[in-house]
Amino acid sequence: IQLGAGFLVLVAGAALGGDGAKTAVIFIFL
């Protein structure tokens, strides 16, 4: 569950920046 949640957190974090924007580094730590 934690493994899957990690990937989904990164996907959600990438979506926050919008198309073409780079992902915030905090989501890599998460």
PDB file of all heavy atoms in Angstrom:
ATOM      1  N   ILE A   1       0.839  -1.200   0.000  1.00  0.00           N
ATOM      2  CA  ILE A   1       0.000   0.000   0.000  1.00  0.00           C
ATOM      3  C   ILE A   1       0.876   1.253   0.000  1.00  0.00           C
ATOM      4  O   ILE A   1       0.634   2.209  -0.752  1.00  0.00           O
ATOM      5  CB  ILE A   1      -0.950  -0.016   1.208  1.00  0.00           C
ATOM      6  CG1 ILE A   1      -2.042  -1.079   0.996  1.00  0.00           C
ATOM      7  CG2 ILE A   1      -1.583   1.358   1.440  1.00  0.00           C
ATOM      8  CD1 ILE A   1      -2.919  -1.311   2.202  1.00  0.00           C
ATOM      9  N   GLN A   2       1.915   1.264   0.836  1.00  0.00           N
ATOM     10  CA  GLN A   2       2.812   2.421   0.874  1.00  0.00           C
ATOM     11  C   GLN A   2       3.589   2.577  -0.428  1.00  0.00           C
ATOM     12  O   GLN A   2       3.834   3.702  -0.896  1.00  0.00           O
ATOM     13  CB  GLN A   2       3.773   2.281   2.057  1.00  0.00           C
ATOM     14  CG  GLN A   2       3.071   2.390   3.406  1.00  0.00           C
ATOM     15  CD  GLN A   2       3.959   1.952   4.554  1.00  0.00           C
ATOM     16  OE1 GLN A   2       4.713   2.749   5.089  1.00  0.00           O
ATOM     17  NE2 GLN A   2       3.877   0.687   4.923  1.00  0.00           N
ATOM     18  N   LEU A   3       3.954   1.447  -1.026  1.00  0.00           N
ATOM     19  CA  LEU A   3       4.657   1.480  -2.308  1.00  0.00           C
ATOM     20  C   LEU A   3       3.772   2.128  -3.379  1.00  0.00           C
ATOM     21  O   LEU A   3       4.206   3.037  -4.105  1.00  0.00           O
ATOM     22  CB  LEU A   3       5.025   0.053  -2.715  1.00  0.00           C
ATOM     23  CG  LEU A   3       5.879  -0.122  -3.963  1.00  0.00           C
ATOM     24  CD1 LEU A   3       7.298   0.369  -3.726  1.00  0.00           C
ATOM     25  CD2 LEU A   3       5.903  -1.597  -4.374  1.00  0.00           C
ATOM     26  N   GLY A   4       2.523   1.670  -3.463  1.00  0.00           N
ATOM     27  CA  GLY A   4       1.606   2.250  -4.440  1.00  0.00           C
ATOM     28  C   GLY A   4       1.325   3.711  -4.152  1.00  0.00           C
ATOM     29  O   GLY A   4       1.272   4.545  -5.075  1.00  0.00           O
ATOM     30  N   ALA A   5       1.167   4.043  -2.864  1.00  0.00           N
ATOM     31  CA  ALA A   5       0.894   5.433  -2.494  1.00  0.00           C
ATOM     32  C   ALA A   5       2.041   6.344  -2.901  1.00  0.00           C
ATOM     33  O   ALA A   5       1.819   7.499  -3.303  1.00  0.00           O
ATOM     34  CB  ALA A   5       0.658   5.531  -0.985  1.00  0.00           C
ATOM     35  N   GLY A   6       3.270   5.856  -2.837  1.00  0.00           N
ATOM     36  CA  GLY A   6       4.415   6.662  -3.243  1.00  0.00           C
ATOM     37  C   GLY A   6       4.321   7.084  -4.702  1.00  0.00           C
ATOM     38  O   GLY A   6       4.529   8.253  -5.041  1.00  0.00           O
ATOM     39  N   PHE A   7       3.999   6.113  -5.576  1.00  0.00           N
ATOM     40  CA  PHE A   7       3.866   6.452  -7.000  1.00  0.00           C
ATOM     41  C   PHE A   7       2.709   7.425  -7.225  1.00  0.00           C
ATOM     42  O   PHE A   7       2.833   8.372  -8.012  1.00  0.00           O
ATOM     43  CB  PHE A   7       3.641   5.181  -7.823  1.00  0.00           C
ATOM     44  CG  PHE A   7       4.888   4.359  -8.023  1.00  0.00           C
ATOM     45  CD1 PHE A   7       5.025   3.120  -7.419  1.00  0.00           C
ATOM     46  CD2 PHE A   7       5.928   4.826  -8.811  1.00  0.00           C
ATOM     47  CE1 PHE A   7       6.171   2.358  -7.603  1.00  0.00           C
ATOM     48  CE2 PHE A   7       7.077   4.074  -9.002  1.00  0.00           C
ATOM     49  CZ  PHE A   7       7.195   2.836  -8.388  1.00  0.00           C
ATOM     50  N   LEU A   8       1.601   7.199  -6.552  1.00  0.00           N
ATOM     51  CA  LEU A   8       0.431   8.059  -6.763  1.00  0.00           C
ATOM     52  C   LEU A   8       0.673   9.464  -6.236  1.00  0.00           C
ATOM     53  O   LEU A   8       0.181  10.445  -6.812  1.00  0.00           O
ATOM     54  CB  LEU A   8      -0.796   7.429  -6.093  1.00  0.00           C
ATOM     55  CG  LEU A   8      -1.230   6.077  -6.683  1.00  0.00           C
ATOM     56  CD1 LEU A   8      -2.418   5.512  -5.927  1.00  0.00           C
ATOM     57  CD2 LEU A   8      -1.552   6.210  -8.170  1.00  0.00           C
ATOM     58  N   VAL A   9       1.440   9.595  -5.151  1.00  0.00           N
ATOM     59  CA  VAL A   9       1.793  10.923  -4.646  1.00  0.00           C
ATOM     60  C   VAL A   9       2.636  11.678  -5.673  1.00  0.00           C
ATOM     61  O   VAL A   9       2.430  12.870  -5.919  1.00  0.00           O
ATOM     62  CB  VAL A   9       2.544  10.804  -3.296  1.00  0.00           C
ATOM     63  CG1 VAL A   9       3.271  12.109  -2.962  1.00  0.00           C
ATOM     64  CG2 VAL A   9       1.575  10.451  -2.184  1.00  0.00           C
ATOM     65  N   LEU A  10       3.577  10.986  -6.311  1.00  0.00           N
ATOM     66  CA  LEU A  10       4.402  11.635  -7.333  1.00  0.00           C
ATOM     67  C   LEU A  10       3.555  12.060  -8.536  1.00  0.00           C
ATOM     68  O   LEU A  10       3.713  13.170  -9.065  1.00  0.00           O
ATOM     69  CB  LEU A  10       5.514  10.693  -7.789  1.00  0.00           C
ATOM     70  CG  LEU A  10       6.431  11.239  -8.896  1.00  0.00           C
ATOM     71  CD1 LEU A  10       7.154  12.496  -8.436  1.00  0.00           C
ATOM     72  CD2 LEU A  10       7.434  10.187  -9.351  1.00  0.00           C
ATOM     73  N   VAL A  11       2.647  11.181  -8.956  1.00  0.00           N
ATOM     74  CA  VAL A  11       1.770  11.514 -10.087  1.00  0.00           C
ATOM     75  C   VAL A  11       0.914  12.738  -9.751  1.00  0.00           C
ATOM     76  O   VAL A  11       0.772  13.660 -10.564  1.00  0.00           O
ATOM     77  CB  VAL A  11       0.881  10.301 -10.447  1.00  0.00           C
ATOM     78  CG1 VAL A  11      -0.178  10.705 -11.480  1.00  0.00           C
ATOM     79  CG2 VAL A  11       1.729   9.156 -10.990  1.00  0.00           C
ATOM     80  N   ALA A  12       0.360  12.767  -8.532  1.00  0.00           N
ATOM     81  CA  ALA A  12      -0.455  13.910  -8.113  1.00  0.00           C
ATOM     82  C   ALA A  12       0.383  15.181  -8.027  1.00  0.00           C
ATOM     83  O   ALA A  12      -0.055  16.266  -8.438  1.00  0.00           O
ATOM     84  CB  ALA A  12      -1.112  13.617  -6.759  1.00  0.00           C
ATOM     85  N   GLY A  13       1.600  15.059  -7.514  1.00  0.00           N
ATOM     86  CA  GLY A  13       2.480  16.211  -7.404  1.00  0.00           C
ATOM     87  C   GLY A  13       2.853  16.776  -8.762  1.00  0.00           C
ATOM     88  O   GLY A  13       2.936  18.000  -8.951  1.00  0.00           O
ATOM     89  N   ALA A  14       3.065  15.870  -9.739  1.00  0.00           N
ATOM     90  CA  ALA A  14       3.393  16.330 -11.094  1.00  0.00           C
ATOM     91  C   ALA A  14       2.211  17.069 -11.708  1.00  0.00           C
ATOM     92  O   ALA A  14       2.392  18.056 -12.436  1.00  0.00           O
ATOM     93  CB  ALA A  14       3.784  15.133 -11.962  1.00  0.00           C
ATOM     94  N   ALA A  15       0.995  16.613 -11.410  1.00  0.00           N
ATOM     95  CA  ALA A  15      -0.205  17.255 -11.967  1.00  0.00           C
ATOM     96  C   ALA A  15      -0.419  18.655 -11.408  1.00  0.00           C
ATOM     97  O   ALA A  15      -0.985  19.524 -12.086  1.00  0.00           O
ATOM     98  CB  ALA A  15      -1.432  16.390 -11.694  1.00  0.00           C
ATOM     99  N   LEU A  16       0.058  18.887 -10.194  1.00  0.00           N
ATOM    100  CA  LEU A  16      -0.138  20.201  -9.570  1.00  0.00           C
ATOM    101  C   LEU A  16       0.549  21.313 -10.355  1.00  0.00           C
ATOM    102  O   LEU A  16       0.076  22.450 -10.379  1.00  0.00           O
ATOM    103  CB  LEU A  16       0.395  20.185  -8.129  1.00  0.00           C
ATOM    104  CG  LEU A  16      -0.411  19.378  -7.105  1.00  0.00           C
ATOM    105  CD1 LEU A  16       0.290  19.400  -5.747  1.00  0.00           C
ATOM    106  CD2 LEU A  16      -1.826  19.942  -6.974  1.00  0.00           C
ATOM    107  N   GLY A  17       1.667  20.980 -10.995  1.00  0.00           N
ATOM    108  CA  GLY A  17       2.417  21.999 -11.719  1.00  0.00           C
ATOM    109  C   GLY A  17       1.849  22.323 -13.085  1.00  0.00           C
ATOM    110  O   GLY A  17       2.262  23.300 -13.705  1.00  0.00           O
ATOM    111  N   GLY A  18       0.928  21.471 -13.564  1.00  0.00           N
ATOM    112  CA  GLY A  18       0.362  21.716 -14.886  1.00  0.00           C
ATOM    113  C   GLY A  18       1.239  21.152 -15.986  1.00  0.00           C
ATOM    114  O   GLY A  18       2.350  20.655 -15.756  1.00  0.00           O
ATOM    115  N   ASP A  19       0.746  21.221 -17.201  1.00  0.00           N
ATOM    116  CA  ASP A  19       1.469  20.678 -18.357  1.00  0.00           C
ATOM    117  C   ASP A  19       2.777  21.435 -18.586  1.00  0.00           C
ATOM    118  O   ASP A  19       2.802  22.664 -18.596  1.00  0.00           O
ATOM    119  CB  ASP A  19       0.609  20.790 -19.612  1.00  0.00           C
ATOM    120  CG  ASP A  19      -0.608  19.880 -19.552  1.00  0.00           C
ATOM    121  OD1 ASP A  19      -0.566  18.903 -18.785  1.00  0.00           O
ATOM    122  OD2 ASP A  19      -1.592  20.168 -20.261  1.00  0.00           O
ATOM    123  N   GLY A  20       3.831  20.670 -18.764  1.00  0.00           N
ATOM    124  CA  GLY A  20       5.113  21.270 -19.110  1.00  0.00           C
ATOM    125  C   GLY A  20       5.925  21.763 -17.935  1.00  0.00           C
ATOM    126  O   GLY A  20       7.127  22.001 -18.064  1.00  0.00           O
ATOM    127  N   ALA A  21       5.288  21.935 -16.765  1.00  0.00           N
ATOM    128  CA  ALA A  21       6.018  22.421 -15.592  1.00  0.00           C
ATOM    129  C   ALA A  21       6.791  21.276 -14.946  1.00  0.00           C
ATOM    130  O   ALA A  21       6.364  20.119 -14.976  1.00  0.00           O
ATOM    131  CB  ALA A  21       5.051  23.029 -14.583  1.00  0.00           C
ATOM    132  N   LYS A  22       7.924  21.603 -14.363  1.00  0.00           N
ATOM    133  CA  LYS A  22       8.712  20.587 -13.682  1.00  0.00           C
ATOM    134  C   LYS A  22       8.088  20.265 -12.326  1.00  0.00           C
ATOM    135  O   LYS A  22       7.467  21.107 -11.684  1.00  0.00           O
ATOM    136  CB  LYS A  22      10.152  21.048 -13.514  1.00  0.00           C
ATOM    137  CG  LYS A  22      10.912  21.098 -14.833  1.00  0.00           C
ATOM    138  CD  LYS A  22      12.413  21.027 -14.623  1.00  0.00           C
ATOM    139  CE  LYS A  22      13.121  20.816 -15.954  1.00  0.00           C
ATOM    140  NZ  LYS A  22      14.568  20.613 -15.786  1.00  0.00           N
ATOM    141  N   THR A  23       8.285  19.016 -11.887  1.00  0.00           N
ATOM    142  CA  THR A  23       7.726  18.552 -10.623  1.00  0.00           C
ATOM    143  C   THR A  23       8.538  19.116  -9.467  1.00  0.00           C
ATOM    144  O   THR A  23       9.774  19.134  -9.509  1.00  0.00           O
ATOM    145  CB  THR A  23       7.745  17.011 -10.567  1.00  0.00           C
ATOM    146  OG1 THR A  23       7.057  16.499 -11.713  1.00  0.00           O
ATOM    147  CG2 THR A  23       7.088  16.497  -9.298  1.00  0.00           C
ATOM    148  N   ALA A  24       7.837  19.553  -8.421  1.00  0.00           N
ATOM    149  CA  ALA A  24       8.525  20.067  -7.235  1.00  0.00           C
ATOM    150  C   ALA A  24       9.320  18.946  -6.577  1.00  0.00           C
ATOM    151  O   ALA A  24       8.858  17.808  -6.462  1.00  0.00           O
ATOM    152  CB  ALA A  24       7.510  20.638  -6.246  1.00  0.00           C
ATOM    153  N   VAL A  25      10.523  19.251  -6.110  1.00  0.00           N
ATOM    154  CA  VAL A  25      11.433  18.231  -5.582  1.00  0.00           C
ATOM    155  C   VAL A  25      10.893  17.568  -4.323  1.00  0.00           C
ATOM    156  O   VAL A  25      11.257  16.427  -4.006  1.00  0.00           O
ATOM    157  CB  VAL A  25      12.829  18.859  -5.334  1.00  0.00           C
ATOM    158  CG1 VAL A  25      12.797  19.772  -4.101  1.00  0.00           C
ATOM    159  CG2 VAL A  25      13.886  17.772  -5.183  1.00  0.00           C
ATOM    160  N   ILE A  26       9.988  18.240  -3.603  1.00  0.00           N
ATOM    161  CA  ILE A  26       9.433  17.658  -2.385  1.00  0.00           C
ATOM    162  C   ILE A  26       8.761  16.317  -2.668  1.00  0.00           C
ATOM    163  O   ILE A  26       8.760  15.414  -1.832  1.00  0.00           O
ATOM    164  CB  ILE A  26       8.427  18.640  -1.721  1.00  0.00           C
ATOM    165  CG1 ILE A  26       7.913  18.068  -0.397  1.00  0.00           C
ATOM    166  CG2 ILE A  26       7.267  18.939  -2.654  1.00  0.00           C
ATOM    167  CD1 ILE A  26       8.967  17.895   0.657  1.00  0.00           C
ATOM    168  N   PHE A  27       8.223  16.158  -3.886  1.00  0.00           N
ATOM    169  CA  PHE A  27       7.523  14.916  -4.205  1.00  0.00           C
ATOM    170  C   PHE A  27       8.500  13.761  -4.432  1.00  0.00           C
ATOM    171  O   PHE A  27       8.121  12.596  -4.285  1.00  0.00           O
ATOM    172  CB  PHE A  27       6.593  15.123  -5.403  1.00  0.00           C
ATOM    173  CG  PHE A  27       5.450  16.043  -5.093  1.00  0.00           C
ATOM    174  CD1 PHE A  27       5.466  17.372  -5.511  1.00  0.00           C
ATOM    175  CD2 PHE A  27       4.376  15.601  -4.337  1.00  0.00           C
ATOM    176  CE1 PHE A  27       4.423  18.226  -5.201  1.00  0.00           C
ATOM    177  CE2 PHE A  27       3.327  16.447  -4.017  1.00  0.00           C
ATOM    178  CZ  PHE A  27       3.349  17.763  -4.440  1.00  0.00           C
ATOM    179  N   ILE A  28       9.726  14.072  -4.793  1.00  0.00           N
ATOM    180  CA  ILE A  28      10.756  13.028  -4.862  1.00  0.00           C
ATOM    181  C   ILE A  28      11.096  12.551  -3.448  1.00  0.00           C
ATOM    182  O   ILE A  28      11.220  11.341  -3.188  1.00  0.00           O
ATOM    183  CB  ILE A  28      12.008  13.549  -5.583  1.00  0.00           C
ATOM    184  CG1 ILE A  28      11.673  13.869  -7.042  1.00  0.00           C
ATOM    185  CG2 ILE A  28      13.152  12.539  -5.499  1.00  0.00           C
ATOM    186  CD1 ILE A  28      11.199  12.673  -7.850  1.00  0.00           C
ATOM    187  N   PHE A  29      11.211  13.489  -2.516  1.00  0.00           N
ATOM    188  CA  PHE A  29      11.447  13.097  -1.128  1.00  0.00           C
ATOM    189  C   PHE A  29      10.280  12.283  -0.581  1.00  0.00           C
ATOM    190  O   PHE A  29      10.476  11.337   0.195  1.00  0.00           O
ATOM    191  CB  PHE A  29      11.686  14.340  -0.261  1.00  0.00           C
ATOM    192  CG  PHE A  29      13.051  14.928  -0.401  1.00  0.00           C
ATOM    193  CD1 PHE A  29      13.320  15.908  -1.344  1.00  0.00           C
ATOM    194  CD2 PHE A  29      14.094  14.482   0.402  1.00  0.00           C
ATOM    195  CE1 PHE A  29      14.587  16.443  -1.487  1.00  0.00           C
ATOM    196  CE2 PHE A  29      15.371  15.010   0.268  1.00  0.00           C
ATOM    197  CZ  PHE A  29      15.623  15.995  -0.674  1.00  0.00           C
ATOM    198  N   LEU A  30       9.056  12.624  -0.976  1.00  0.00           N
ATOM    199  CA  LEU A  30       7.878  11.912  -0.474  1.00  0.00           C
ATOM    200  C   LEU A  30       7.782  10.492  -1.035  1.00  0.00           C
ATOM    201  O   LEU A  30       7.449   9.550  -0.300  1.00  0.00           O
ATOM    202  CB  LEU A  30       6.609  12.696  -0.818  1.00  0.00           C
ATOM    203  CG  LEU A  30       6.354  13.955   0.020  1.00  0.00           C
ATOM    204  CD1 LEU A  30       5.134  14.701  -0.498  1.00  0.00           C
ATOM    205  CD2 LEU A  30       6.171  13.591   1.500  1.00  0.00           C
TER     206      LEU A  30
END
